[in-house]
Amino acid sequence: MYTVLVISVIIVIVVLLLAVLTTSKAYQYKHTVDPIDDNPYVKNPNDNSNENENQNK
């Protein structure tokens, strides 16, 4: 019975250690954000090309 308990505790410690290491590495990751100028889904007030195309139709 003690063998199962010791193996279970070792598994719990290994899983906890891996979770802490993974979380620590995730917080160190450098995230980047694309500039608004490169985003095709944001309407640029200086760009009238779509408005001109819609008015000509």
PDB file of N, CA and C in Angstrom:
ATOM      1  N   MET A   1       0.819  -1.193   0.000  1.00  0.00           N
ATOM      2  CA  MET A   1       0.000   0.000   0.000  1.00  0.00           C
ATOM      3  C   MET A   1       0.863   1.258   0.000  1.00  0.00           C
ATOM      4  N   TYR A   2       1.950   1.238   0.748  1.00  0.00           N
ATOM      5  CA  TYR A   2       2.832   2.407   0.782  1.00  0.00           C
ATOM      6  C   TYR A   2       3.500   2.641  -0.571  1.00  0.00           C
ATOM      7  N   THR A   3       3.707   1.590  -1.316  1.00  0.00           N
ATOM      8  CA  THR A   3       4.317   1.727  -2.645  1.00  0.00           C
ATOM      9  C   THR A   3       3.413   2.547  -3.564  1.00  0.00           C
ATOM     10  N   VAL A   4       2.132   2.264  -3.549  1.00  0.00           N
ATOM     11  CA  VAL A   4       1.175   3.011  -4.376  1.00  0.00           C
ATOM     12  C   VAL A   4       1.116   4.465  -3.924  1.00  0.00           C
ATOM     13  N   LEU A   5       1.145   4.702  -2.626  1.00  0.00           N
ATOM     14  CA  LEU A   5       1.114   6.059  -2.094  1.00  0.00           C
ATOM     15  C   LEU A   5       2.356   6.847  -2.508  1.00  0.00           C
ATOM     16  N   VAL A   6       3.517   6.235  -2.427  1.00  0.00           N
ATOM     17  CA  VAL A   6       4.766   6.908  -2.808  1.00  0.00           C
ATOM     18  C   VAL A   6       4.777   7.209  -4.303  1.00  0.00           C
ATOM     19  N   ILE A   7       4.364   6.258  -5.110  1.00  0.00           N
ATOM     20  CA  ILE A   7       4.310   6.488  -6.563  1.00  0.00           C
ATOM     21  C   ILE A   7       3.306   7.589  -6.895  1.00  0.00           C
ATOM     22  N   SER A   8       2.177   7.617  -6.224  1.00  0.00           N
ATOM     23  CA  SER A   8       1.173   8.656  -6.448  1.00  0.00           C
ATOM     24  C   SER A   8       1.713  10.036  -6.080  1.00  0.00           C
ATOM     25  N   VAL A   9       2.415  10.130  -4.965  1.00  0.00           N
ATOM     26  CA  VAL A   9       2.981  11.415  -4.542  1.00  0.00           C
ATOM     27  C   VAL A   9       4.046  11.879  -5.535  1.00  0.00           C
ATOM     28  N   ILE A  10       4.850  10.962  -6.022  1.00  0.00           N
ATOM     29  CA  ILE A  10       5.870  11.320  -7.022  1.00  0.00           C
ATOM     30  C   ILE A  10       5.219  11.829  -8.297  1.00  0.00           C
ATOM     31  N   ILE A  11       4.162  11.171  -8.745  1.00  0.00           N
ATOM     32  CA  ILE A  11       3.452  11.611  -9.952  1.00  0.00           C
ATOM     33  C   ILE A  11       2.849  13.001  -9.739  1.00  0.00           C
ATOM     34  N   VAL A  12       2.263  13.244  -8.587  1.00  0.00           N
ATOM     35  CA  VAL A  12       1.664  14.553  -8.296  1.00  0.00           C
ATOM     36  C   VAL A  12       2.746  15.634  -8.298  1.00  0.00           C
ATOM     37  N   ILE A  13       3.891  15.345  -7.710  1.00  0.00           N
ATOM     38  CA  ILE A  13       4.981  16.333  -7.669  1.00  0.00           C
ATOM     39  C   ILE A  13       5.501  16.618  -9.078  1.00  0.00           C
ATOM     40  N   VAL A  14       5.648  15.592  -9.900  1.00  0.00           N
ATOM     41  CA  VAL A  14       6.123  15.786 -11.279  1.00  0.00           C
ATOM     42  C   VAL A  14       5.125  16.615 -12.081  1.00  0.00           C
ATOM     43  N   VAL A  15       3.841  16.318 -11.962  1.00  0.00           N
ATOM     44  CA  VAL A  15       2.819  17.077 -12.698  1.00  0.00           C
ATOM     45  C   VAL A  15       2.792  18.528 -12.227  1.00  0.00           C
ATOM     46  N   LEU A  16       2.881  18.757 -10.930  1.00  0.00           N
ATOM     47  CA  LEU A  16       2.906  20.125 -10.396  1.00  0.00           C
ATOM     48  C   LEU A  16       4.139  20.872 -10.884  1.00  0.00           C
ATOM     49  N   LEU A  17       5.286  20.225 -10.894  1.00  0.00           N
ATOM     50  CA  LEU A  17       6.510  20.855 -11.370  1.00  0.00           C
ATOM     51  C   LEU A  17       6.402  21.219 -12.845  1.00  0.00           C
ATOM     52  N   LEU A  18       5.870  20.320 -13.659  1.00  0.00           N
ATOM     53  CA  LEU A  18       5.698  20.605 -15.087  1.00  0.00           C
ATOM     54  C   LEU A  18       4.709  21.755 -15.317  1.00  0.00           C
ATOM     55  N   ALA A  19       3.649  21.810 -14.520  1.00  0.00           N
ATOM     56  CA  ALA A  19       2.677  22.897 -14.662  1.00  0.00           C
ATOM     57  C   ALA A  19       3.307  24.238 -14.305  1.00  0.00           C
ATOM     58  N   VAL A  20       4.103  24.260 -13.250  1.00  0.00           N
ATOM     59  CA  VAL A  20       4.769  25.511 -12.848  1.00  0.00           C
ATOM     60  C   VAL A  20       5.778  25.938 -13.907  1.00  0.00           C
ATOM     61  N   LEU A  21       6.557  25.005 -14.428  1.00  0.00           N
ATOM     62  CA  LEU A  21       7.535  25.353 -15.460  1.00  0.00           C
ATOM     63  C   LEU A  21       6.865  25.851 -16.738  1.00  0.00           C
ATOM     64  N   THR A  22       5.783  25.212 -17.137  1.00  0.00           N
ATOM     65  CA  THR A  22       5.066  25.624 -18.339  1.00  0.00           C
ATOM     66  C   THR A  22       4.461  27.013 -18.168  1.00  0.00           C
ATOM     67  N   THR A  23       3.863  27.270 -17.024  1.00  0.00           N
ATOM     68  CA  THR A  23       3.277  28.586 -16.759  1.00  0.00           C
ATOM     69  C   THR A  23       4.345  29.662 -16.712  1.00  0.00           C
ATOM     70  N   SER A  24       5.462  29.360 -16.103  1.00  0.00           N
ATOM     71  CA  SER A  24       6.561  30.316 -16.032  1.00  0.00           C
ATOM     72  C   SER A  24       7.080  30.655 -17.421  1.00  0.00           C
ATOM     73  N   LYS A  25       7.227  29.658 -18.275  1.00  0.00           N
ATOM     74  CA  LYS A  25       7.703  29.896 -19.635  1.00  0.00           C
ATOM     75  C   LYS A  25       6.663  30.687 -20.442  1.00  0.00           C
ATOM     76  N   ALA A  26       5.396  30.440 -20.210  1.00  0.00           N
ATOM     77  CA  ALA A  26       4.341  31.159 -20.941  1.00  0.00           C
ATOM     78  C   ALA A  26       4.345  32.641 -20.587  1.00  0.00           C
ATOM     79  N   TYR A  27       4.606  32.978 -19.337  1.00  0.00           N
ATOM     80  CA  TYR A  27       4.647  34.386 -18.938  1.00  0.00           C
ATOM     81  C   TYR A  27       5.877  35.092 -19.488  1.00  0.00           C
ATOM     82  N   GLN A  28       6.931  34.361 -19.835  1.00  0.00           N
ATOM     83  CA  GLN A  28       8.135  34.975 -20.385  1.00  0.00           C
ATOM     84  C   GLN A  28       8.030  35.216 -21.887  1.00  0.00           C
ATOM     85  N   TYR A  29       7.007  34.662 -22.534  1.00  0.00           N
ATOM     86  CA  TYR A  29       6.859  34.789 -23.982  1.00  0.00           C
ATOM     87  C   TYR A  29       6.542  36.228 -24.352  1.00  0.00           C
ATOM     88  N   LYS A  30       7.232  36.751 -25.373  1.00  0.00           N
ATOM     89  CA  LYS A  30       7.032  38.138 -25.824  1.00  0.00           C
ATOM     90  C   LYS A  30       5.938  38.147 -26.895  1.00  0.00           C
ATOM     91  N   HIS A  31       4.808  38.761 -26.571  1.00  0.00           N
ATOM     92  CA  HIS A  31       3.704  38.872 -27.522  1.00  0.00           C
ATOM     93  C   HIS A  31       3.884  40.129 -28.365  1.00  0.00           C
ATOM     94  N   THR A  32       3.480  40.056 -29.617  1.00  0.00           N
ATOM     95  CA  THR A  32       3.537  41.224 -30.495  1.00  0.00           C
ATOM     96  C   THR A  32       2.142  41.511 -31.034  1.00  0.00           C
ATOM     97  N   VAL A  33       1.924  42.764 -31.382  1.00  0.00           N
ATOM     98  CA  VAL A  33       0.639  43.195 -31.917  1.00  0.00           C
ATOM     99  C   VAL A  33       0.899  43.861 -33.259  1.00  0.00           C
ATOM    100  N   ASP A  34       0.113  43.501 -34.263  1.00  0.00           N
ATOM    101  CA  ASP A  34       0.262  44.117 -35.577  1.00  0.00           C
ATOM    102  C   ASP A  34      -0.170  45.574 -35.515  1.00  0.00           C
ATOM    103  N   PRO A  35       0.529  46.444 -36.248  1.00  0.00           N
ATOM    104  CA  PRO A  35       0.087  47.841 -36.296  1.00  0.00           C
ATOM    105  C   PRO A  35      -1.288  47.954 -36.956  1.00  0.00           C
ATOM    106  N   ILE A  36      -2.013  48.986 -36.612  1.00  0.00           N
ATOM    107  CA  ILE A  36      -3.367  49.173 -37.165  1.00  0.00           C
ATOM    108  C   ILE A  36      -3.306  49.379 -38.668  1.00  0.00           C
ATOM    109  N   ASP A  37      -2.238  49.995 -39.176  1.00  0.00           N
ATOM    110  CA  ASP A  37      -2.132  50.252 -40.613  1.00  0.00           C
ATOM    111  C   ASP A  37      -2.134  48.966 -41.435  1.00  0.00           C
ATOM    112  N   ASP A  38      -1.632  47.874 -40.875  1.00  0.00           N
ATOM    113  CA  ASP A  38      -1.558  46.612 -41.616  1.00  0.00           C
ATOM    114  C   ASP A  38      -2.816  45.761 -41.471  1.00  0.00           C
ATOM    115  N   ASN A  39      -3.780  46.197 -40.682  1.00  0.00           N
ATOM    116  CA  ASN A  39      -4.965  45.396 -40.433  1.00  0.00           C
ATOM    117  C   ASN A  39      -6.024  45.704 -41.497  1.00  0.00           C
ATOM    118  N   PRO A  40      -6.373  44.734 -42.337  1.00  0.00           N
ATOM    119  CA  PRO A  40      -7.339  45.006 -43.408  1.00  0.00           C
ATOM    120  C   PRO A  40      -8.781  45.135 -42.901  1.00  0.00           C
ATOM    121  N   TYR A  41      -9.044  44.775 -41.653  1.00  0.00           N
ATOM    122  CA  TYR A  41     -10.404  44.810 -41.139  1.00  0.00           C
ATOM    123  C   TYR A  41     -10.752  46.126 -40.450  1.00  0.00           C
ATOM    124  N   VAL A  42      -9.763  46.985 -40.250  1.00  0.00           N
ATOM    125  CA  VAL A  42     -10.004  48.270 -39.620  1.00  0.00           C
ATOM    126  C   VAL A  42     -10.130  49.314 -40.714  1.00  0.00           C
ATOM    127  N   LYS A  43     -11.205  50.080 -40.674  1.00  0.00           N
ATOM    128  CA  LYS A  43     -11.437  51.094 -41.693  1.00  0.00           C
ATOM    129  C   LYS A  43     -10.514  52.275 -41.441  1.00  0.00           C
ATOM    130  N   ASN A  44      -9.720  52.603 -42.437  1.00  0.00           N
ATOM    131  CA  ASN A  44      -8.797  53.727 -42.356  1.00  0.00           C
ATOM    132  C   ASN A  44      -9.520  54.978 -42.856  1.00  0.00           C
ATOM    133  N   PRO A  45      -9.605  56.040 -42.049  1.00  0.00           N
ATOM    134  CA  PRO A  45     -10.346  57.235 -42.484  1.00  0.00           C
ATOM    135  C   PRO A  45      -9.700  57.933 -43.676  1.00  0.00           C
ATOM    136  N   ASN A  46      -8.424  57.709 -43.930  1.00  0.00           N
ATOM    137  CA  ASN A  46      -7.744  58.356 -45.055  1.00  0.00           C
ATOM    138  C   ASN A  46      -7.904  57.580 -46.349  1.00  0.00           C
ATOM    139  N   ASP A  47      -8.388  56.351 -46.258  1.00  0.00           N
ATOM    140  CA  ASP A  47      -8.523  55.506 -47.438  1.00  0.00           C
ATOM    141  C   ASP A  47      -9.964  55.599 -47.950  1.00  0.00           C
ATOM    142  N   ASN A  48     -10.154  56.214 -49.113  1.00  0.00           N
ATOM    143  CA  ASN A  48     -11.495  56.365 -49.684  1.00  0.00           C
ATOM    144  C   ASN A  48     -11.699  55.454 -50.880  1.00  0.00           C
ATOM    145  N   SER A  49     -10.819  54.492 -51.100  1.00  0.00           N
ATOM    146  CA  SER A  49     -10.915  53.648 -52.290  1.00  0.00           C
ATOM    147  C   SER A  49     -12.192  52.802 -52.281  1.00  0.00           C
ATOM    148  N   ASN A  50     -12.580  52.259 -51.129  1.00  0.00           N
ATOM    149  CA  ASN A  50     -13.795  51.462 -51.065  1.00  0.00           C
ATOM    150  C   ASN A  50     -15.038  52.312 -51.241  1.00  0.00           C
ATOM    151  N   GLU A  51     -15.035  53.523 -50.726  1.00  0.00           N
ATOM    152  CA  GLU A  51     -16.194  54.413 -50.880  1.00  0.00           C
ATOM    153  C   GLU A  51     -16.365  54.807 -52.339  1.00  0.00           C
ATOM    154  N   ASN A  52     -15.264  55.076 -53.008  1.00  0.00           N
ATOM    155  CA  ASN A  52     -15.350  55.465 -54.422  1.00  0.00           C
ATOM    156  C   ASN A  52     -15.844  54.303 -55.263  1.00  0.00           C
ATOM    157  N   GLU A  53     -15.434  53.097 -54.969  1.00  0.00           N
ATOM    158  CA  GLU A  53     -15.893  51.943 -55.721  1.00  0.00           C
ATOM    159  C   GLU A  53     -17.386  51.718 -55.513  1.00  0.00           C
ATOM    160  N   ASN A  54     -17.864  51.898 -54.276  1.00  0.00           N
ATOM    161  CA  ASN A  54     -19.281  51.693 -53.987  1.00  0.00           C
ATOM    162  C   ASN A  54     -20.147  52.777 -54.630  1.00  0.00           C
ATOM    163  N   GLN A  55     -19.651  53.983 -54.750  1.00  0.00           N
ATOM    164  CA  GLN A  55     -20.439  55.068 -55.342  1.00  0.00           C
ATOM    165  C   GLN A  55     -20.557  54.906 -56.853  1.00  0.00           C
ATOM    166  N   ASN A  56     -19.580  54.283 -57.468  1.00  0.00           N
ATOM    167  CA  ASN A  56     -19.595  54.122 -58.930  1.00  0.00           C
ATOM    168  C   ASN A  56     -20.521  52.987 -59.373  1.00  0.00           C
ATOM    169  N   LYS A  57     -20.911  52.137 -58.491  1.00  0.00           N
ATOM    170  CA  LYS A  57     -21.748  50.983 -58.879  1.00  0.00           C
ATOM    171  C   LYS A  57     -23.189  51.356 -58.994  1.00  0.00           C
TER     172      LYS A  57
END
